[in-house]
């Protein structure tokens, strides 16, 4: 497994990471891993992002309408 060292981390960021890790009951290293993983795991579709935050796992049921593909718009005169 790979390793990563972070140098020149300002005190405020370090302290906020420490507090966040304590709040989640994990080490600072584990919290940093979680943050990095989430940051680079962007969904392919923006709708997936909304489902992650407002979907069934958060008590909300969303019904997304089906959409037909359309031709690209032309902006020429």
Protein backbone atom coordinates (compact mmCIF):
# COMPACT_ATOMS: atom_id res chain seq x y z
CA UNK A 1 0.00 0.00 0.00
CA UNK A 2 1.25 3.49 -0.85
CA UNK A 3 2.20 6.20 1.63
CA UNK A 4 1.89 9.95 1.48
CA UNK A 5 3.42 12.63 3.70
CA UNK A 6 1.93 16.11 3.90
CA UNK A 7 4.37 18.87 4.72
CA UNK A 8 3.81 22.52 5.55
CA UNK A 9 0.28 22.00 6.88
CA UNK A 10 -0.81 25.15 8.68
CA UNK A 11 -1.88 24.94 12.33
CA UNK A 12 -5.53 25.81 11.65
CA UNK A 13 -5.92 23.02 9.10
CA UNK A 14 -4.12 20.57 11.39
CA UNK A 15 -6.37 21.46 14.32
CA UNK A 16 -9.56 21.25 12.25
CA UNK A 17 -8.51 17.83 10.97
CA UNK A 18 -7.80 16.71 14.55
CA UNK A 19 -11.23 17.87 15.73
CA UNK A 20 -12.99 16.32 12.73
CA UNK A 21 -11.23 12.99 13.29
CA UNK A 22 -12.18 13.02 16.97
CA UNK A 23 -15.79 13.79 16.08
CA UNK A 24 -15.84 10.74 13.78
CA UNK A 25 -13.98 8.58 16.30
CA UNK A 26 -11.03 7.83 14.02
CA UNK A 27 -7.37 8.75 13.80
CA UNK A 28 -6.26 11.84 11.92
CA UNK A 29 -4.63 9.59 9.35
CA UNK A 30 -7.89 7.70 8.76
CA UNK A 31 -9.83 10.95 8.53
CA UNK A 32 -7.37 12.27 5.93
CA UNK A 33 -7.75 9.03 3.94
CA UNK A 34 -11.54 9.40 3.99
CA UNK A 35 -11.38 13.03 2.89
CA UNK A 36 -9.01 12.24 0.03
CA UNK A 37 -11.06 9.27 -1.13
CA UNK A 38 -14.26 11.33 -1.14
CA UNK A 39 -12.60 14.22 -2.96
CA UNK A 40 -11.41 12.09 -5.87
CA UNK A 41 -14.49 9.89 -6.09
CA UNK A 42 -16.71 12.38 -7.90
CA UNK A 43 -19.83 10.87 -9.45
CA UNK A 44 -20.04 10.55 -13.22
CA UNK A 45 -23.46 12.19 -13.29
CA UNK A 46 -24.55 15.18 -11.23
CA UNK A 47 -27.81 13.39 -10.42
CA UNK A 48 -25.82 10.75 -8.56
CA UNK A 49 -24.48 13.47 -6.28
CA UNK A 50 -28.01 14.54 -5.37
CA UNK A 51 -29.07 10.94 -4.76
CA UNK A 52 -26.11 10.51 -2.39
CA UNK A 53 -27.25 13.50 -0.33
CA UNK A 54 -31.02 13.37 -0.66
CA UNK A 55 -31.74 9.77 -1.64
CA UNK A 56 -33.21 6.80 0.22
CA UNK A 57 -30.17 6.43 2.50
CA UNK A 58 -31.05 9.87 3.93
CA UNK A 59 -34.79 9.28 4.21
CA UNK A 60 -35.82 10.93 0.96
CA UNK A 61 -37.37 9.14 -2.00
CA UNK A 62 -36.77 10.90 -5.28
CA UNK A 63 -38.49 10.01 -8.52
CA UNK A 64 -36.33 11.13 -11.40
CA UNK A 65 -38.20 11.70 -14.66
CA UNK A 66 -37.04 9.82 -17.73
CA UNK A 67 -35.61 12.07 -20.38
CA UNK A 68 -35.26 11.53 -24.08
CA UNK A 69 -31.94 12.43 -25.69
CA UNK A 70 -32.02 15.59 -27.78
CA UNK A 71 -30.00 17.06 -30.59
CA UNK A 72 -27.34 19.60 -29.58
CA UNK A 73 -28.34 23.25 -29.91
CA UNK A 74 -26.85 25.29 -32.70
CA UNK A 75 -26.03 28.87 -31.84
CA UNK A 76 -25.29 30.09 -35.35
CA UNK A 77 -27.43 32.74 -37.06
